[in-house]
Amino acid sequence: MPLSDTIVVADDSMTILAMTSSRLERAGYDIVTATRGDDALRLVQETRPRLVLLDVEMPGLDGVEVAQHIRADESLAGVFIVLLTSLSEDSHVARGMAAGANAYLTKPFSPQDLQTQVEALIGAP
C-alpha cells in the first residue's frame, strides 16, 4: 500500500501545533494533527503519511517511542520522521536519530527552517 501525501504533525503545545500546521498548509501540504504520541501513531497507521513531525516530549508515547514503532512496521519504511524538541544535548539527538529519525529540529525553530527541512525530505507539494 503506497504512502499518502499527508504530513502528520504531533505536538502537545497548541502554539507549536498551530504554527507548524498553518505554515505547512499554506505551503500546500495536507496536514493532520495530534497532541498525544499514541494518537500520532494511530494517525500514522491510518493515513500512511510521507512525513511525520514529532515532538519528543508528549503525553502517551513520546516522539522517540512513536518513531521506534514506525520503524518497526515494515509497511511504513518510507515514512520520513522529523523530531521537534527543546532537548538539544548530543545524547538526546543521538537517541532520536537511533530511533530512526531523518532529522532533528531544536525548538525554537523558525517556520522557514521547518518548511526547508520538510521540502528537503519530501519535496515541495
C-alpha atoms as a PDB file:
ATOM      1  CA  MET A   1       0.000   0.000   0.000  1.00  0.00           C
ATOM      2  CA  PRO A   2       1.574   3.321  -1.068  1.00  0.00           C
ATOM      3  CA  LEU A   3       2.147   6.253   1.245  1.00  0.00           C
ATOM      4  CA  SER A   4      -0.201   9.258   1.063  1.00  0.00           C
ATOM      5  CA  ASP A   5       0.891  12.854   0.573  1.00  0.00           C
ATOM      6  CA  THR A   6      -0.223  13.668   4.122  1.00  0.00           C
ATOM      7  CA  ILE A   7       2.013  15.023   6.880  1.00  0.00           C
ATOM      8  CA  VAL A   8       1.221  14.114  10.491  1.00  0.00           C
ATOM      9  CA  VAL A   9       2.140  16.885  12.956  1.00  0.00           C
ATOM     10  CA  ALA A  10       2.209  15.851  16.630  1.00  0.00           C
ATOM     11  CA  ASP A  11       2.940  18.269  19.462  1.00  0.00           C
ATOM     12  CA  ASP A  12       1.304  18.830  22.841  1.00  0.00           C
ATOM     13  CA  SER A  13       1.908  22.591  22.565  1.00  0.00           C
ATOM     14  CA  MET A  14      -1.091  24.110  20.804  1.00  0.00           C
ATOM     15  CA  THR A  15       1.094  27.088  19.804  1.00  0.00           C
ATOM     16  CA  ILE A  16       3.693  24.901  18.057  1.00  0.00           C
ATOM     17  CA  LEU A  17       0.974  22.699  16.560  1.00  0.00           C
ATOM     18  CA  ALA A  18      -0.862  25.703  15.096  1.00  0.00           C
ATOM     19  CA  MET A  19       2.335  27.364  13.824  1.00  0.00           C
ATOM     20  CA  THR A  20       3.728  24.273  12.127  1.00  0.00           C
ATOM     21  CA  SER A  21       0.392  23.150  10.704  1.00  0.00           C
ATOM     22  CA  SER A  22      -0.564  26.547   9.290  1.00  0.00           C
ATOM     23  CA  ARG A  23       2.879  27.103   7.753  1.00  0.00           C
ATOM     24  CA  LEU A  24       2.853  23.731   6.003  1.00  0.00           C
ATOM     25  CA  GLU A  25      -0.791  24.057   4.917  1.00  0.00           C
ATOM     26  CA  ARG A  26      -0.015  27.469   3.368  1.00  0.00           C
ATOM     27  CA  ALA A  27       2.879  25.799   1.542  1.00  0.00           C
ATOM     28  CA  GLY A  28       0.388  23.313   0.047  1.00  0.00           C
ATOM     29  CA  TYR A  29       0.792  20.209   2.213  1.00  0.00           C
ATOM     30  CA  ASP A  30      -2.126  18.148   3.597  1.00  0.00           C
ATOM     31  CA  ILE A  31      -1.851  18.107   7.396  1.00  0.00           C
ATOM     32  CA  VAL A  32      -3.412  16.021  10.166  1.00  0.00           C
ATOM     33  CA  THR A  33      -2.581  16.741  13.797  1.00  0.00           C
ATOM     34  CA  ALA A  34      -2.324  15.030  17.172  1.00  0.00           C
ATOM     35  CA  THR A  35      -1.458  16.237  20.668  1.00  0.00           C
ATOM     36  CA  ARG A  36      -0.501  12.833  22.097  1.00  0.00           C
ATOM     37  CA  GLY A  37       2.043  10.292  20.911  1.00  0.00           C
ATOM     38  CA  ASP A  38      -0.386   7.364  20.908  1.00  0.00           C
ATOM     39  CA  ASP A  39      -2.823   9.388  18.765  1.00  0.00           C
ATOM     40  CA  ALA A  40       0.017  10.309  16.413  1.00  0.00           C
ATOM     41  CA  LEU A  41       0.942   6.648  15.964  1.00  0.00           C
ATOM     42  CA  ARG A  42      -2.696   5.765  15.221  1.00  0.00           C
ATOM     43  CA  LEU A  43      -2.858   8.566  12.622  1.00  0.00           C
ATOM     44  CA  VAL A  44       0.358   7.352  11.019  1.00  0.00           C
ATOM     45  CA  GLN A  45      -1.039   3.823  10.767  1.00  0.00           C
ATOM     46  CA  GLU A  46      -4.345   5.105   9.330  1.00  0.00           C
ATOM     47  CA  THR A  47      -3.099   7.792   6.927  1.00  0.00           C
ATOM     48  CA  ARG A  48       0.279   6.321   5.942  1.00  0.00           C
ATOM     49  CA  PRO A  49       1.862   9.791   5.581  1.00  0.00           C
ATOM     50  CA  ARG A  50       5.009  10.681   3.698  1.00  0.00           C
ATOM     51  CA  LEU A  51       6.344  12.562   6.721  1.00  0.00           C
ATOM     52  CA  VAL A  52       5.758  12.816  10.471  1.00  0.00           C
ATOM     53  CA  LEU A  53       6.767  15.771  12.664  1.00  0.00           C
ATOM     54  CA  LEU A  54       7.008  14.538  16.249  1.00  0.00           C
ATOM     55  CA  ASP A  55       7.512  16.479  19.443  1.00  0.00           C
ATOM     56  CA  VAL A  56       9.801  14.387  21.634  1.00  0.00           C
ATOM     57  CA  GLU A  57       8.064  15.236  24.898  1.00  0.00           C
ATOM     58  CA  MET A  58       4.348  14.349  24.590  1.00  0.00           C
ATOM     59  CA  PRO A  59       1.823  12.539  26.762  1.00  0.00           C
ATOM     60  CA  GLY A  60       1.150   8.911  25.962  1.00  0.00           C
ATOM     61  CA  LEU A  61       4.047   7.729  23.853  1.00  0.00           C
ATOM     62  CA  ASP A  62       6.877  10.220  23.435  1.00  0.00           C
ATOM     63  CA  GLY A  63       8.126  11.139  19.976  1.00  0.00           C
ATOM     64  CA  VAL A  64      11.096   8.766  20.143  1.00  0.00           C
ATOM     65  CA  GLU A  65       8.794   5.867  21.055  1.00  0.00           C
ATOM     66  CA  VAL A  66       6.465   6.754  18.167  1.00  0.00           C
ATOM     67  CA  ALA A  67       9.487   6.822  15.826  1.00  0.00           C
ATOM     68  CA  GLN A  68      10.529   3.378  17.069  1.00  0.00           C
ATOM     69  CA  HIS A  69       7.031   1.987  16.410  1.00  0.00           C
ATOM     70  CA  ILE A  70       7.023   3.467  12.910  1.00  0.00           C
ATOM     71  CA  ARG A  71      10.450   1.991  12.123  1.00  0.00           C
ATOM     72  CA  ALA A  72       9.348  -1.423  13.445  1.00  0.00           C
ATOM     73  CA  ASP A  73       6.483  -1.523  10.895  1.00  0.00           C
ATOM     74  CA  GLU A  74       7.899  -2.571   7.523  1.00  0.00           C
ATOM     75  CA  SER A  75       4.865  -1.159   5.697  1.00  0.00           C
ATOM     76  CA  LEU A  76       5.866   2.319   6.951  1.00  0.00           C
ATOM     77  CA  ALA A  77       9.533   2.040   5.950  1.00  0.00           C
ATOM     78  CA  GLY A  78       9.301   5.005   3.565  1.00  0.00           C
ATOM     79  CA  VAL A  79       7.897   7.456   6.107  1.00  0.00           C
ATOM     80  CA  PHE A  80      10.235  10.339   6.925  1.00  0.00           C
ATOM     81  CA  ILE A  81      10.446  11.314  10.602  1.00  0.00           C
ATOM     82  CA  VAL A  82      11.447  14.745  11.921  1.00  0.00           C
ATOM     83  CA  LEU A  83      11.763  15.155  15.680  1.00  0.00           C
ATOM     84  CA  LEU A  84      10.968  18.576  17.146  1.00  0.00           C
ATOM     85  CA  THR A  85      12.222  19.261  20.641  1.00  0.00           C
ATOM     86  CA  SER A  86      13.781  21.639  23.103  1.00  0.00           C
ATOM     87  CA  LEU A  87      16.156  18.813  24.129  1.00  0.00           C
ATOM     88  CA  SER A  88      19.346  19.800  22.363  1.00  0.00           C
ATOM     89  CA  GLU A  89      22.101  17.853  24.110  1.00  0.00           C
ATOM     90  CA  ASP A  90      24.089  15.449  21.961  1.00  0.00           C
ATOM     91  CA  SER A  91      22.709  12.447  23.859  1.00  0.00           C
ATOM     92  CA  HIS A  92      19.128  13.488  23.059  1.00  0.00           C
ATOM     93  CA  VAL A  93      19.934  13.973  19.393  1.00  0.00           C
ATOM     94  CA  ALA A  94      21.705  10.598  19.293  1.00  0.00           C
ATOM     95  CA  ARG A  95      18.718   8.872  20.938  1.00  0.00           C
ATOM     96  CA  GLY A  96      16.341  10.404  18.394  1.00  0.00           C
ATOM     97  CA  MET A  97      18.483   9.522  15.413  1.00  0.00           C
ATOM     98  CA  ALA A  98      18.998   5.977  16.737  1.00  0.00           C
ATOM     99  CA  ALA A  99      15.212   5.619  16.902  1.00  0.00           C
ATOM    100  CA  GLY A 100      15.074   6.225  13.162  1.00  0.00           C
ATOM    101  CA  ALA A 101      14.570   9.971  12.791  1.00  0.00           C
ATOM    102  CA  ASN A 102      15.661  11.504   9.498  1.00  0.00           C
ATOM    103  CA  ALA A 103      16.097  14.953  11.041  1.00  0.00           C
ATOM    104  CA  TYR A 104      16.088  16.673  14.418  1.00  0.00           C
ATOM    105  CA  LEU A 105      14.964  20.300  14.792  1.00  0.00           C
ATOM    106  CA  THR A 106      15.592  22.065  18.074  1.00  0.00           C
ATOM    107  CA  LYS A 107      12.999  24.478  19.469  1.00  0.00           C
ATOM    108  CA  PRO A 108      12.755  27.321  18.990  1.00  0.00           C
ATOM    109  CA  PHE A 109      12.955  26.973  15.221  1.00  0.00           C
ATOM    110  CA  SER A 110      11.747  29.279  12.501  1.00  0.00           C
ATOM    111  CA  PRO A 111       8.765  28.315  10.345  1.00  0.00           C
ATOM    112  CA  GLN A 112      11.035  28.789   7.311  1.00  0.00           C
ATOM    113  CA  ASP A 113      13.610  26.323   8.704  1.00  0.00           C
ATOM    114  CA  LEU A 114      10.816  23.799   9.236  1.00  0.00           C
ATOM    115  CA  GLN A 115       9.488  24.218   5.705  1.00  0.00           C
ATOM    116  CA  THR A 116      13.009  23.975   4.271  1.00  0.00           C
ATOM    117  CA  GLN A 117      13.607  20.711   6.184  1.00  0.00           C
ATOM    118  CA  VAL A 118      10.290  19.240   5.002  1.00  0.00           C
ATOM    119  CA  GLU A 119      10.993  20.197   1.392  1.00  0.00           C
ATOM    120  CA  ALA A 120      14.491  18.702   1.627  1.00  0.00           C
ATOM    121  CA  LEU A 121      12.999  15.362   2.665  1.00  0.00           C
ATOM    122  CA  ILE A 122       9.841  15.078   0.536  1.00  0.00           C
ATOM    123  CA  GLY A 123       9.993  17.948  -1.939  1.00  0.00           C
ATOM    124  CA  ALA A 124       7.538  20.780  -2.468  1.00  0.00           C
ATOM    125  CA  PRO A 125       3.861  19.826  -2.851  1.00  0.00           C
END
